[in-house]
Amino acid sequence: MAIQVYSEGNPHDAVGLVRTAQDATARRTTPRVRSMLHARAARALSKTGDRTACWRELDAARTEYARGPHDDDPTWSSWLNPGEIEMLAGSSALDLDDPRRALTHFEQARHVQYAADGYARDHVLYLTRTARAHLQLSDLDAACAVATDAFTQNTTLNSSRPSDALDDLRAELAVHRHVRAVRDFLLLSA
């Protein structure tokens, strides 16, 4: 519910939802679930602009995850791994207008347990966010190279969430259509 609220509503409300879940489960859940809740709190906080609290929550997410798996971890929490935490950190940095930090986290995610094959939709979404970080740094060639990879992977996937993110990226790139790499990407993805 917090994801929907911070994506489409008031991120402060999303923070409240995650805090409620954290309070309700503090003594009754596994470190993996606590890690997931810290990561979700971080994403919500990134959308409110609270850098300090966001990074603190991400540190807590890493700490809880490092406590290891438990036999009673719910099956719905299996998606969380160190790579996913770093991808969420990168997305948070992007929301906080820190594209260099975003790229650092996206790169770290590729070096830990991030499985693009198992989560193709999320991988395309994160590639699109990586392209946005390059765009924010005015590295149009890198932005278009990553965007092309994301577009190519999404053509076989055909998922609406990454497609929407690619559409948004296309709109952001359109003002740079005089640059060959941008023009080529816009033609490819038209």
N, C-alpha and C. Protein backbone atom coordinates (compact mmCIF):
# COMPACT_ATOMS: atom_id res chain seq x y z
N MET A 1 0.83 -1.19 0.00
CA MET A 1 0.00 0.00 0.00
C MET A 1 0.87 1.26 0.00
N ALA A 2 1.98 1.22 0.75
CA ALA A 2 2.87 2.38 0.79
C ALA A 2 3.45 2.69 -0.58
N ILE A 3 3.77 1.65 -1.35
CA ILE A 3 4.32 1.87 -2.70
C ILE A 3 3.32 2.64 -3.55
N GLN A 4 2.07 2.23 -3.51
CA GLN A 4 1.04 2.92 -4.28
C GLN A 4 0.90 4.36 -3.81
N VAL A 5 0.91 4.57 -2.50
CA VAL A 5 0.72 5.92 -1.97
C VAL A 5 1.91 6.82 -2.32
N TYR A 6 3.15 6.31 -2.20
CA TYR A 6 4.26 7.20 -2.55
C TYR A 6 4.43 7.36 -4.05
N SER A 7 3.86 6.44 -4.82
CA SER A 7 3.92 6.57 -6.28
C SER A 7 2.84 7.50 -6.83
N GLU A 8 1.68 7.47 -6.22
CA GLU A 8 0.54 8.21 -6.77
C GLU A 8 -0.09 9.21 -5.82
N GLY A 9 0.32 9.21 -4.58
CA GLY A 9 -0.35 10.07 -3.60
C GLY A 9 0.64 10.92 -2.83
N ASN A 10 0.41 11.03 -1.55
CA ASN A 10 1.23 11.84 -0.68
C ASN A 10 2.31 10.96 -0.03
N PRO A 11 3.59 11.22 -0.32
CA PRO A 11 4.64 10.37 0.23
C PRO A 11 4.71 10.41 1.76
N HIS A 12 4.27 11.50 2.36
CA HIS A 12 4.24 11.57 3.83
C HIS A 12 3.26 10.53 4.39
N ASP A 13 2.15 10.32 3.67
CA ASP A 13 1.21 9.28 4.08
C ASP A 13 1.84 7.90 3.96
N ALA A 14 2.66 7.72 2.92
CA ALA A 14 3.35 6.43 2.73
C ALA A 14 4.32 6.17 3.87
N VAL A 15 5.02 7.22 4.31
CA VAL A 15 5.92 7.07 5.46
C VAL A 15 5.12 6.60 6.66
N GLY A 16 3.96 7.22 6.88
CA GLY A 16 3.10 6.83 8.00
C GLY A 16 2.65 5.39 7.91
N LEU A 17 2.31 4.92 6.71
CA LEU A 17 1.90 3.54 6.53
C LEU A 17 3.03 2.57 6.88
N VAL A 18 4.23 2.88 6.40
CA VAL A 18 5.36 1.99 6.69
C VAL A 18 5.69 2.02 8.18
N ARG A 19 5.62 3.20 8.79
CA ARG A 19 5.90 3.29 10.23
C ARG A 19 4.89 2.45 11.03
N THR A 20 3.63 2.47 10.60
CA THR A 20 2.61 1.66 11.25
C THR A 20 2.96 0.18 11.13
N ALA A 21 3.37 -0.25 9.94
CA ALA A 21 3.75 -1.65 9.74
C ALA A 21 4.98 -2.00 10.57
N GLN A 22 5.94 -1.08 10.63
CA GLN A 22 7.15 -1.33 11.44
C GLN A 22 6.78 -1.49 12.91
N ASP A 23 5.93 -0.61 13.40
CA ASP A 23 5.53 -0.69 14.81
C ASP A 23 4.75 -1.98 15.10
N ALA A 24 3.86 -2.35 14.19
CA ALA A 24 3.01 -3.52 14.41
C ALA A 24 3.79 -4.83 14.36
N THR A 25 4.91 -4.84 13.64
CA THR A 25 5.64 -6.10 13.46
C THR A 25 7.00 -6.12 14.14
N ALA A 26 7.33 -5.09 14.89
CA ALA A 26 8.68 -4.93 15.44
C ALA A 26 9.20 -6.18 16.14
N ARG A 27 8.40 -6.82 16.92
CA ARG A 27 8.86 -7.98 17.70
C ARG A 27 8.34 -9.30 17.15
N ARG A 28 7.58 -9.24 16.05
CA ARG A 28 6.92 -10.46 15.58
C ARG A 28 7.31 -10.86 14.17
N THR A 29 8.40 -10.34 13.66
CA THR A 29 8.75 -10.70 12.29
C THR A 29 10.24 -10.97 12.17
N THR A 30 10.65 -11.34 10.98
CA THR A 30 12.03 -11.73 10.73
C THR A 30 12.87 -10.52 10.30
N PRO A 31 14.19 -10.63 10.40
CA PRO A 31 15.05 -9.56 9.93
C PRO A 31 14.81 -9.21 8.45
N ARG A 32 14.51 -10.21 7.63
CA ARG A 32 14.27 -9.94 6.21
C ARG A 32 13.05 -9.02 6.03
N VAL A 33 12.00 -9.28 6.77
CA VAL A 33 10.81 -8.43 6.66
C VAL A 33 11.12 -7.04 7.22
N ARG A 34 11.84 -6.97 8.33
CA ARG A 34 12.24 -5.66 8.86
C ARG A 34 13.09 -4.91 7.84
N SER A 35 13.98 -5.63 7.16
CA SER A 35 14.81 -5.02 6.12
C SER A 35 13.94 -4.45 5.00
N MET A 36 12.96 -5.24 4.58
CA MET A 36 12.05 -4.79 3.53
C MET A 36 11.30 -3.52 3.95
N LEU A 37 10.83 -3.50 5.18
CA LEU A 37 10.10 -2.32 5.67
C LEU A 37 11.01 -1.10 5.75
N HIS A 38 12.26 -1.29 6.18
CA HIS A 38 13.20 -0.17 6.19
C HIS A 38 13.45 0.34 4.77
N ALA A 39 13.59 -0.57 3.82
CA ALA A 39 13.81 -0.17 2.42
C ALA A 39 12.61 0.60 1.89
N ARG A 40 11.40 0.16 2.23
CA ARG A 40 10.21 0.87 1.77
C ARG A 40 10.08 2.24 2.45
N ALA A 41 10.46 2.31 3.70
CA ALA A 41 10.46 3.60 4.39
C ALA A 41 11.44 4.55 3.70
N ALA A 42 12.59 4.02 3.32
CA ALA A 42 13.59 4.84 2.63
C ALA A 42 13.04 5.40 1.32
N ARG A 43 12.37 4.55 0.53
CA ARG A 43 11.80 5.02 -0.74
C ARG A 43 10.77 6.12 -0.49
N ALA A 44 9.91 5.93 0.50
CA ALA A 44 8.91 6.95 0.80
C ALA A 44 9.59 8.23 1.26
N LEU A 45 10.59 8.11 2.11
CA LEU A 45 11.30 9.29 2.61
C LEU A 45 12.05 10.01 1.49
N SER A 46 12.55 9.27 0.51
CA SER A 46 13.23 9.92 -0.61
C SER A 46 12.28 10.81 -1.38
N LYS A 47 11.03 10.40 -1.43
CA LYS A 47 10.04 11.20 -2.15
C LYS A 47 9.59 12.42 -1.35
N THR A 48 9.85 12.42 -0.04
CA THR A 48 9.56 13.61 0.77
C THR A 48 10.75 14.57 0.78
N GLY A 49 11.90 14.10 0.30
CA GLY A 49 13.10 14.93 0.29
C GLY A 49 13.95 14.83 1.55
N ASP A 50 13.62 13.91 2.43
CA ASP A 50 14.35 13.77 3.69
C ASP A 50 15.54 12.84 3.50
N ARG A 51 16.66 13.42 3.07
CA ARG A 51 17.88 12.66 2.78
C ARG A 51 18.39 11.87 3.98
N THR A 52 18.53 12.56 5.10
CA THR A 52 19.12 11.93 6.28
C THR A 52 18.32 10.72 6.72
N ALA A 53 17.03 10.88 6.83
CA ALA A 53 16.19 9.75 7.26
C ALA A 53 16.19 8.63 6.21
N CYS A 54 16.22 8.99 4.94
CA CYS A 54 16.26 7.99 3.86
C CYS A 54 17.50 7.13 3.98
N TRP A 55 18.67 7.77 4.11
CA TRP A 55 19.92 6.99 4.18
C TRP A 55 19.99 6.17 5.46
N ARG A 56 19.44 6.71 6.53
CA ARG A 56 19.40 5.95 7.79
C ARG A 56 18.56 4.69 7.62
N GLU A 57 17.43 4.79 6.96
CA GLU A 57 16.57 3.63 6.72
C GLU A 57 17.26 2.61 5.81
N LEU A 58 18.00 3.08 4.81
CA LEU A 58 18.71 2.14 3.95
C LEU A 58 19.82 1.42 4.70
N ASP A 59 20.51 2.14 5.58
CA ASP A 59 21.52 1.49 6.42
C ASP A 59 20.86 0.43 7.30
N ALA A 60 19.70 0.76 7.86
CA ALA A 60 18.98 -0.21 8.70
C ALA A 60 18.53 -1.41 7.87
N ALA A 61 18.13 -1.17 6.63
CA ALA A 61 17.72 -2.28 5.75
C ALA A 61 18.90 -3.23 5.52
N ARG A 62 20.06 -2.67 5.25
CA ARG A 62 21.25 -3.51 5.04
C ARG A 62 21.61 -4.29 6.30
N THR A 63 21.54 -3.61 7.45
CA THR A 63 21.88 -4.25 8.72
C THR A 63 20.94 -5.41 9.02
N GLU A 64 19.65 -5.18 8.86
CA GLU A 64 18.68 -6.25 9.12
C GLU A 64 18.86 -7.41 8.15
N TYR A 65 19.08 -7.09 6.88
CA TYR A 65 19.26 -8.16 5.88
C TYR A 65 20.49 -9.00 6.22
N ALA A 66 21.54 -8.35 6.72
CA ALA A 66 22.79 -9.05 7.05
C ALA A 66 22.62 -10.05 8.20
N ARG A 67 21.53 -9.95 8.93
CA ARG A 67 21.28 -10.90 10.01
C ARG A 67 20.97 -12.30 9.48
N GLY A 68 20.75 -12.39 8.19
CA GLY A 68 20.59 -13.69 7.56
C GLY A 68 19.16 -14.17 7.47
N PRO A 69 18.97 -15.24 6.68
CA PRO A 69 17.63 -15.80 6.50
C PRO A 69 17.17 -16.56 7.73
N HIS A 70 15.86 -16.69 7.83
CA HIS A 70 15.25 -17.45 8.91
C HIS A 70 14.24 -18.42 8.31
N ASP A 71 14.05 -19.54 9.00
CA ASP A 71 13.10 -20.54 8.51
C ASP A 71 11.69 -19.98 8.39
N ASP A 72 11.38 -18.98 9.20
CA ASP A 72 10.02 -18.44 9.15
C ASP A 72 9.91 -17.17 8.30
N ASP A 73 10.90 -16.93 7.42
CA ASP A 73 10.75 -15.82 6.47
C ASP A 73 9.54 -16.11 5.58
N PRO A 74 8.63 -15.14 5.43
CA PRO A 74 7.48 -15.38 4.54
C PRO A 74 7.95 -15.52 3.09
N THR A 75 7.28 -16.36 2.34
CA THR A 75 7.67 -16.57 0.94
C THR A 75 7.56 -15.29 0.12
N TRP A 76 6.65 -14.40 0.50
CA TRP A 76 6.49 -13.15 -0.26
C TRP A 76 7.65 -12.18 -0.05
N SER A 77 8.55 -12.50 0.85
CA SER A 77 9.71 -11.62 1.06
C SER A 77 10.94 -12.10 0.30
N SER A 78 10.81 -13.16 -0.47
CA SER A 78 11.97 -13.76 -1.13
C SER A 78 12.61 -12.85 -2.18
N TRP A 79 11.89 -11.85 -2.66
CA TRP A 79 12.43 -10.96 -3.68
C TRP A 79 13.55 -10.07 -3.14
N LEU A 80 13.60 -9.89 -1.84
CA LEU A 80 14.59 -8.98 -1.27
C LEU A 80 15.96 -9.64 -1.20
N ASN A 81 16.94 -8.95 -1.72
CA ASN A 81 18.33 -9.38 -1.64
C ASN A 81 19.21 -8.13 -1.63
N PRO A 82 20.50 -8.27 -1.40
CA PRO A 82 21.37 -7.07 -1.35
C PRO A 82 21.33 -6.23 -2.62
N GLY A 83 21.21 -6.88 -3.76
CA GLY A 83 21.12 -6.14 -5.01
C GLY A 83 19.87 -5.29 -5.08
N GLU A 84 18.76 -5.85 -4.64
CA GLU A 84 17.50 -5.09 -4.65
C GLU A 84 17.58 -3.91 -3.70
N ILE A 85 18.22 -4.09 -2.55
CA ILE A 85 18.39 -2.97 -1.62
C ILE A 85 19.20 -1.86 -2.28
N GLU A 86 20.25 -2.25 -3.02
CA GLU A 86 21.07 -1.23 -3.71
C GLU A 86 20.29 -0.57 -4.85
N MET A 87 19.45 -1.34 -5.53
CA MET A 87 18.61 -0.73 -6.57
C MET A 87 17.64 0.28 -5.95
N LEU A 88 17.06 -0.07 -4.80
CA LEU A 88 16.17 0.86 -4.11
C LEU A 88 16.95 2.10 -3.64
N ALA A 89 18.19 1.90 -3.21
CA ALA A 89 19.04 3.03 -2.81
C ALA A 89 19.31 3.93 -4.01
N GLY A 90 19.57 3.33 -5.17
CA GLY A 90 19.79 4.12 -6.38
C GLY A 90 18.55 4.91 -6.78
N SER A 91 17.41 4.27 -6.71
CA SER A 91 16.15 4.96 -7.03
C SER A 91 15.89 6.09 -6.06
N SER A 92 16.22 5.86 -4.78
CA SER A 92 16.05 6.91 -3.77
C SER A 92 16.97 8.08 -4.07
N ALA A 93 18.22 7.79 -4.41
CA ALA A 93 19.17 8.86 -4.74
C ALA A 93 18.68 9.66 -5.94
N LEU A 94 18.11 8.98 -6.91
CA LEU A 94 17.57 9.68 -8.08
C LEU A 94 16.44 10.61 -7.66
N ASP A 95 15.56 10.14 -6.78
CA ASP A 95 14.47 10.99 -6.28
C ASP A 95 15.01 12.19 -5.50
N LEU A 96 16.17 12.01 -4.89
CA LEU A 96 16.78 13.09 -4.09
C LEU A 96 17.72 13.96 -4.91
N ASP A 97 17.61 13.87 -6.24
CA ASP A 97 18.42 14.67 -7.17
C ASP A 97 19.92 14.48 -6.95
N ASP A 98 20.32 13.24 -6.76
CA ASP A 98 21.72 12.90 -6.60
C ASP A 98 22.06 11.79 -7.60
N PRO A 99 22.14 12.14 -8.90
CA PRO A 99 22.32 11.11 -9.92
C PRO A 99 23.66 10.38 -9.83
N ARG A 100 24.71 11.02 -9.36
CA ARG A 100 26.00 10.32 -9.21
C ARG A 100 25.87 9.20 -8.18
N ARG A 101 25.25 9.53 -7.07
CA ARG A 101 25.04 8.51 -6.04
C ARG A 101 24.13 7.41 -6.56
N ALA A 102 23.13 7.77 -7.34
CA ALA A 102 22.23 6.76 -7.92
C ALA A 102 23.03 5.79 -8.78
N LEU A 103 23.90 6.31 -9.63
CA LEU A 103 24.69 5.44 -10.49
C LEU A 103 25.61 4.53 -9.67
N THR A 104 26.15 5.05 -8.59
CA THR A 104 27.00 4.23 -7.71
C THR A 104 26.21 3.06 -7.15
N HIS A 105 25.01 3.32 -6.68
CA HIS A 105 24.18 2.24 -6.12
C HIS A 105 23.72 1.26 -7.20
N PHE A 106 23.37 1.76 -8.37
CA PHE A 106 22.96 0.87 -9.45
C PHE A 106 24.13 -0.05 -9.83
N GLU A 107 25.33 0.51 -9.85
CA GLU A 107 26.52 -0.30 -10.17
C GLU A 107 26.79 -1.32 -9.06
N GLN A 108 26.67 -0.90 -7.80
CA GLN A 108 26.85 -1.84 -6.69
C GLN A 108 25.85 -3.00 -6.79
N ALA A 109 24.65 -2.70 -7.19
CA ALA A 109 23.62 -3.74 -7.30
C ALA A 109 24.01 -4.81 -8.30
N ARG A 110 24.68 -4.40 -9.36
CA ARG A 110 25.09 -5.37 -10.38
C ARG A 110 26.20 -6.29 -9.85
N HIS A 111 26.88 -5.88 -8.80
CA HIS A 111 27.98 -6.68 -8.26
C HIS A 111 27.58 -7.56 -7.09
N VAL A 112 26.34 -7.46 -6.67
CA VAL A 112 25.84 -8.34 -5.61
C VAL A 112 24.70 -9.17 -6.17
N GLN A 113 23.86 -9.68 -5.36
CA GLN A 113 22.88 -10.67 -5.79
C GLN A 113 21.69 -10.13 -6.58
N TYR A 114 21.91 -9.20 -7.45
CA TYR A 114 20.80 -8.71 -8.25
C TYR A 114 20.63 -9.63 -9.46
N ALA A 115 19.49 -10.26 -9.58
CA ALA A 115 19.25 -11.23 -10.64
C ALA A 115 18.32 -10.65 -11.69
N ALA A 116 18.89 -10.08 -12.73
CA ALA A 116 18.07 -9.51 -13.79
C ALA A 116 17.21 -10.57 -14.46
N ASP A 117 17.73 -11.79 -14.57
CA ASP A 117 16.97 -12.85 -15.24
C ASP A 117 15.69 -13.21 -14.48
N GLY A 118 15.74 -13.16 -13.17
CA GLY A 118 14.58 -13.54 -12.38
C GLY A 118 13.53 -12.45 -12.28
N TYR A 119 13.93 -11.22 -12.52
CA TYR A 119 13.02 -10.08 -12.35
C TYR A 119 13.17 -9.15 -13.55
N ALA A 120 12.79 -9.63 -14.70
CA ALA A 120 13.01 -8.90 -15.95
C ALA A 120 12.33 -7.53 -15.96
N ARG A 121 11.13 -7.46 -15.45
CA ARG A 121 10.41 -6.18 -15.44
C ARG A 121 11.15 -5.16 -14.58
N ASP A 122 11.56 -5.58 -13.40
CA ASP A 122 12.29 -4.67 -12.52
C ASP A 122 13.63 -4.27 -13.12
N HIS A 123 14.29 -5.22 -13.80
CA HIS A 123 15.57 -4.91 -14.43
C HIS A 123 15.40 -3.80 -15.47
N VAL A 124 14.38 -3.90 -16.30
CA VAL A 124 14.13 -2.86 -17.31
C VAL A 124 13.83 -1.52 -16.63
N LEU A 125 13.06 -1.56 -15.58
CA LEU A 125 12.75 -0.34 -14.84
C LEU A 125 14.02 0.30 -14.29
N TYR A 126 14.91 -0.51 -13.71
CA TYR A 126 16.15 0.04 -13.17
C TYR A 126 17.09 0.52 -14.27
N LEU A 127 17.09 -0.14 -15.42
CA LEU A 127 17.87 0.37 -16.54
C LEU A 127 17.37 1.76 -16.95
N THR A 128 16.07 1.92 -16.96
CA THR A 128 15.49 3.21 -17.31
C THR A 128 15.89 4.28 -16.29
N ARG A 129 15.90 3.91 -15.03
CA ARG A 129 16.34 4.86 -13.99
C ARG A 129 17.82 5.18 -14.13
N THR A 130 18.61 4.19 -14.51
CA THR A 130 20.04 4.42 -14.75
C THR A 130 20.21 5.41 -15.90
N ALA A 131 19.43 5.24 -16.95
CA ALA A 131 19.48 6.17 -18.09
C ALA A 131 19.10 7.59 -17.64
N ARG A 132 18.09 7.70 -16.77
CA ARG A 132 17.70 9.02 -16.25
C ARG A 132 18.82 9.66 -15.46
N ALA A 133 19.55 8.85 -14.68
CA ALA A 133 20.68 9.40 -13.92
C ALA A 133 21.74 9.94 -14.88
N HIS A 134 22.04 9.20 -15.93
CA HIS A 134 23.00 9.69 -16.93
C HIS A 134 22.50 10.97 -17.59
N LEU A 135 21.22 11.02 -17.88
CA LEU A 135 20.63 12.21 -18.48
C LEU A 135 20.77 13.41 -17.54
N GLN A 136 20.49 13.19 -16.26
CA GLN A 136 20.61 14.29 -15.30
C GLN A 136 22.05 14.79 -15.19
N LEU A 137 23.00 13.93 -15.51
CA LEU A 137 24.42 14.33 -15.51
C LEU A 137 24.86 14.84 -16.88
N SER A 138 23.91 14.98 -17.79
CA SER A 138 24.15 15.46 -19.16
C SER A 138 25.05 14.55 -19.97
N ASP A 139 25.09 13.27 -19.64
CA ASP A 139 25.82 12.28 -20.42
C ASP A 139 24.81 11.61 -21.34
N LEU A 140 24.53 12.28 -22.45
CA LEU A 140 23.48 11.82 -23.36
C LEU A 140 23.83 10.50 -24.03
N ASP A 141 25.10 10.30 -24.36
CA ASP A 141 25.49 9.03 -24.98
C ASP A 141 25.22 7.86 -24.05
N ALA A 142 25.64 7.98 -22.80
CA ALA A 142 25.40 6.91 -21.83
C ALA A 142 23.91 6.73 -21.58
N ALA A 143 23.19 7.82 -21.46
CA ALA A 143 21.74 7.74 -21.24
C ALA A 143 21.07 6.98 -22.37
N CYS A 144 21.44 7.28 -23.59
CA CYS A 144 20.81 6.62 -24.74
C CYS A 144 21.25 5.17 -24.89
N ALA A 145 22.49 4.87 -24.55
CA ALA A 145 22.96 3.47 -24.61
C ALA A 145 22.17 2.62 -23.63
N VAL A 146 22.00 3.09 -22.41
CA VAL A 146 21.25 2.33 -21.40
C VAL A 146 19.77 2.30 -21.76
N ALA A 147 19.24 3.41 -22.24
CA ALA A 147 17.83 3.47 -22.64
C ALA A 147 17.55 2.50 -23.79
N THR A 148 18.48 2.38 -24.71
CA THR A 148 18.33 1.43 -25.82
C THR A 148 18.28 0.01 -25.30
N ASP A 149 19.16 -0.31 -24.34
CA ASP A 149 19.15 -1.63 -23.72
C ASP A 149 17.80 -1.89 -23.04
N ALA A 150 17.32 -0.90 -22.29
CA ALA A 150 16.03 -1.03 -21.60
C ALA A 150 14.90 -1.23 -22.61
N PHE A 151 14.90 -0.44 -23.66
CA PHE A 151 13.85 -0.54 -24.68
C PHE A 151 13.86 -1.91 -25.35
N THR A 152 15.05 -2.37 -25.72
CA THR A 152 15.18 -3.66 -26.39
C THR A 152 14.68 -4.79 -25.49
N GLN A 153 15.06 -4.76 -24.22
CA GLN A 153 14.59 -5.80 -23.30
C GLN A 153 13.09 -5.71 -23.06
N ASN A 154 12.55 -4.50 -23.06
CA ASN A 154 11.12 -4.35 -22.80
C ASN A 154 10.27 -4.76 -24.00
N THR A 155 10.82 -4.78 -25.20
CA THR A 155 10.01 -5.18 -26.36
C THR A 155 9.56 -6.63 -26.24
N THR A 156 10.40 -7.48 -25.65
CA THR A 156 9.98 -8.88 -25.46
C THR A 156 9.14 -9.02 -24.20
N LEU A 157 9.35 -8.14 -23.25
CA LEU A 157 8.62 -8.19 -21.98
C LEU A 157 7.25 -7.54 -22.11
N ASN A 158 7.22 -6.38 -22.74
CA ASN A 158 6.01 -5.61 -22.96
C ASN A 158 5.21 -5.38 -21.67
N SER A 159 5.91 -4.83 -20.68
CA SER A 159 5.29 -4.55 -19.38
C SER A 159 4.95 -3.06 -19.30
N SER A 160 3.79 -2.74 -18.75
CA SER A 160 3.33 -1.35 -18.77
C SER A 160 4.17 -0.43 -17.88
N ARG A 161 4.59 -0.88 -16.71
CA ARG A 161 5.33 0.01 -15.81
C ARG A 161 6.66 0.47 -16.43
N PRO A 162 7.50 -0.46 -16.94
CA PRO A 162 8.71 0.00 -17.62
C PRO A 162 8.40 0.78 -18.90
N SER A 163 7.33 0.39 -19.60
CA SER A 163 6.95 1.13 -20.81
C SER A 163 6.62 2.58 -20.48
N ASP A 164 5.90 2.79 -19.39
CA ASP A 164 5.58 4.15 -18.96
C ASP A 164 6.85 4.91 -18.60
N ALA A 165 7.78 4.24 -17.91
CA ALA A 165 9.04 4.88 -17.55
C ALA A 165 9.85 5.23 -18.79
N LEU A 166 9.83 4.35 -19.79
CA LEU A 166 10.52 4.64 -21.05
C LEU A 166 9.87 5.80 -21.79
N ASP A 167 8.55 5.87 -21.76
CA ASP A 167 7.85 7.00 -22.37
C ASP A 167 8.25 8.32 -21.71
N ASP A 168 8.31 8.30 -20.39
CA ASP A 168 8.74 9.50 -19.66
C ASP A 168 10.17 9.89 -20.03
N LEU A 169 11.04 8.89 -20.14
CA LEU A 169 12.43 9.15 -20.51
C LEU A 169 12.50 9.72 -21.93
N ARG A 170 11.73 9.16 -22.83
CA ARG A 170 11.68 9.69 -24.21
C ARG A 170 11.30 11.17 -24.20
N ALA A 171 10.32 11.51 -23.40
CA ALA A 171 9.88 12.91 -23.33
C ALA A 171 11.00 13.81 -22.80
N GLU A 172 11.73 13.31 -21.80
CA GLU A 172 12.84 14.10 -21.25
C GLU A 172 13.97 14.25 -22.26
N LEU A 173 14.19 13.21 -23.05
CA LEU A 173 15.27 13.24 -24.05
C LEU A 173 14.91 14.07 -25.27
N ALA A 174 13.63 14.24 -25.55
CA ALA A 174 13.19 14.89 -26.79
C ALA A 174 13.78 16.28 -26.98
N VAL A 175 14.04 17.00 -25.92
CA VAL A 175 14.62 18.35 -26.06
C VAL A 175 16.05 18.30 -26.58
N HIS A 176 16.64 17.10 -26.58
CA HIS A 176 18.02 16.93 -27.05
C HIS A 176 18.08 16.20 -28.39
N ARG A 177 16.98 16.23 -29.13
CA ARG A 177 16.91 15.47 -30.37
C ARG A 177 17.95 15.89 -31.40
N HIS A 178 18.59 17.04 -31.22
CA HIS A 178 19.65 17.47 -32.13
C HIS A 178 20.93 16.65 -31.96
N VAL A 179 21.04 15.89 -30.87
CA VAL A 179 22.19 15.03 -30.62
C VAL A 179 21.93 13.67 -31.27
N ARG A 180 22.90 13.18 -32.01
CA ARG A 180 22.71 11.96 -32.80
C ARG A 180 22.25 10.77 -31.95
N ALA A 181 22.88 10.54 -30.82
CA ALA A 181 22.51 9.39 -29.98
C ALA A 181 21.05 9.49 -29.54
N VAL A 182 20.61 10.67 -29.21
CA VAL A 182 19.22 10.88 -28.79
C VAL A 182 18.29 10.64 -29.97
N ARG A 183 18.63 11.24 -31.10
CA ARG A 183 17.81 11.07 -32.30
C ARG A 183 17.67 9.58 -32.65
N ASP A 184 18.79 8.85 -32.58
CA ASP A 184 18.76 7.42 -32.90
C ASP A 184 17.86 6.66 -31.92
N PHE A 185 17.97 6.99 -30.63
CA PHE A 185 17.11 6.31 -29.65
C PHE A 185 15.65 6.65 -29.88
N LEU A 186 15.35 7.90 -30.15
CA LEU A 186 13.96 8.30 -30.36
C LEU A 186 13.37 7.61 -31.58
N LEU A 187 14.16 7.46 -32.63
CA LEU A 187 13.69 6.74 -33.82
C LEU A 187 13.48 5.26 -33.53
N LEU A 188 14.42 4.66 -32.82
CA LEU A 188 14.31 3.25 -32.48
C LEU A 188 13.07 2.97 -31.62
N SER A 189 12.83 3.84 -30.68
CA SER A 189 11.77 3.58 -29.69
C SER A 189 10.43 4.19 -30.05
N ALA A 190 10.33 4.74 -31.24
CA ALA A 190 9.07 5.39 -31.66
C ALA A 190 7.97 4.38 -31.88
